[in-house]
């Protein structure tokens, strides 16, 4: 288990929560953090802006088709030239 760290503080504006991604203090409410019953103060570990930025960066790296997109079929293996060249031939047969 991780050691508990204090990522909550009281300031003149009220309770604030620390975002570990942007390294900033934000108001500890659902305007800045997603709710998370397991998190400190019932909030997610990073702010909404950082989470959305991370989510956008991972979507561009994803190989899976997003809902509403048509996945392109894989090319037929017989059409790959290098595969045809490396196929095993029966003994005694030459090309």
Protein backbone atom coordinates (compact mmCIF):
# COMPACT_ATOMS: atom_id res chain seq x y z
CA UNK A 1 0.00 0.00 0.00
CA UNK A 2 1.20 3.52 -0.78
CA UNK A 3 2.06 5.86 2.05
CA UNK A 4 -0.61 8.51 2.53
CA UNK A 5 0.34 11.94 1.30
CA UNK A 6 -1.42 15.19 2.09
CA UNK A 7 -2.89 16.46 -1.14
CA UNK A 8 -5.60 18.49 0.53
CA UNK A 9 -5.24 21.88 2.18
CA UNK A 10 -7.32 24.73 3.49
CA UNK A 11 -6.76 28.19 2.03
CA UNK A 12 -8.59 31.52 2.00
CA UNK A 13 -10.77 30.19 -0.86
CA UNK A 14 -11.64 26.99 1.02
CA UNK A 15 -10.58 23.37 0.65
CA UNK A 16 -8.09 22.75 -2.19
CA UNK A 17 -6.77 19.55 -3.76
CA UNK A 18 -3.38 19.05 -5.41
CA UNK A 19 -3.28 17.76 -9.00
CA UNK A 20 -0.30 15.46 -9.43
CA UNK A 21 -0.17 15.94 -13.22
CA UNK A 22 -0.08 19.73 -13.54
CA UNK A 23 1.40 20.21 -10.03
CA UNK A 24 -1.21 22.87 -9.15
CA UNK A 25 -3.67 23.39 -6.30
CA UNK A 26 -7.33 23.60 -7.37
CA UNK A 27 -10.60 23.97 -5.43
CA UNK A 28 -11.61 20.54 -4.15
CA UNK A 29 -14.97 20.27 -5.89
CA UNK A 30 -16.54 18.56 -8.88
CA UNK A 31 -16.03 21.63 -11.05
CA UNK A 32 -12.28 20.88 -11.16
CA UNK A 33 -12.08 17.15 -10.26
CA UNK A 34 -14.15 14.13 -11.23
CA UNK A 35 -15.79 12.35 -8.32
CA UNK A 36 -14.11 9.17 -7.10
CA UNK A 37 -15.44 7.42 -4.00
CA UNK A 38 -12.01 5.85 -3.41
CA UNK A 39 -10.02 9.12 -3.75
CA UNK A 40 -9.12 11.74 -1.17
CA UNK A 41 -12.17 13.87 -0.38
CA UNK A 42 -14.11 11.67 -2.84
CA UNK A 43 -12.29 13.23 -5.82
CA UNK A 44 -10.12 11.85 -8.64
CA UNK A 45 -6.31 12.12 -8.30
CA UNK A 46 -5.83 14.61 -11.17
CA UNK A 47 -7.88 17.59 -12.32
CA UNK A 48 -10.40 17.38 -15.17
CA UNK A 49 -8.18 19.35 -17.57
CA UNK A 50 -5.21 17.01 -17.07
CA UNK A 51 -7.40 13.93 -17.35
CA UNK A 52 -8.95 15.16 -20.62
CA UNK A 53 -5.50 16.01 -21.99
CA UNK A 54 -4.23 12.53 -21.11
CA UNK A 55 -7.37 10.94 -22.55
CA UNK A 56 -7.00 12.83 -25.84
CA UNK A 57 -3.35 11.80 -26.16
CA UNK A 58 -4.15 8.12 -25.59
CA UNK A 59 -7.01 8.13 -28.11
CA UNK A 60 -4.65 9.14 -30.88
CA UNK A 61 -2.33 6.26 -29.96
CA UNK A 62 -5.10 3.69 -29.76
CA UNK A 63 -5.36 1.04 -32.46
CA UNK A 64 -8.96 0.27 -31.66
CA UNK A 65 -11.69 1.86 -33.73
CA UNK A 66 -13.72 4.40 -31.82
CA UNK A 67 -17.50 4.04 -31.74
CA UNK A 68 -18.91 5.28 -35.04
CA UNK A 69 -15.72 4.51 -36.96
CA UNK A 70 -15.37 1.57 -39.32
CA UNK A 71 -12.35 -0.59 -38.69
CA UNK A 72 -10.28 -1.27 -41.81
CA UNK A 73 -9.91 -4.98 -42.59
CA UNK A 74 -6.44 -6.45 -42.37
CA UNK A 75 -4.81 -7.06 -45.77
CA UNK A 76 -4.87 -10.62 -47.03
CA UNK A 77 -1.66 -12.42 -46.16
CA UNK A 78 -1.28 -13.71 -49.73
CA UNK A 79 -0.92 -10.14 -50.97
CA UNK A 80 2.20 -9.48 -48.89
CA UNK A 81 5.19 -9.94 -51.20
CA UNK A 82 7.73 -10.83 -48.54
CA UNK A 83 5.46 -13.52 -47.16
CA UNK A 84 5.20 -15.20 -50.56
CA UNK A 85 8.98 -15.14 -50.89
CA UNK A 86 9.53 -16.75 -47.51
CA UNK A 87 6.92 -19.49 -47.73
CA UNK A 88 8.32 -22.97 -47.30
CA UNK A 89 8.39 -25.09 -50.43
CA UNK A 90 8.03 -28.88 -50.44
CA UNK A 91 11.34 -30.75 -50.74
CA UNK A 92 12.65 -30.94 -54.30
CA UNK A 93 10.50 -28.04 -55.62
CA UNK A 94 12.35 -24.92 -56.76
CA UNK A 95 11.03 -21.60 -57.99
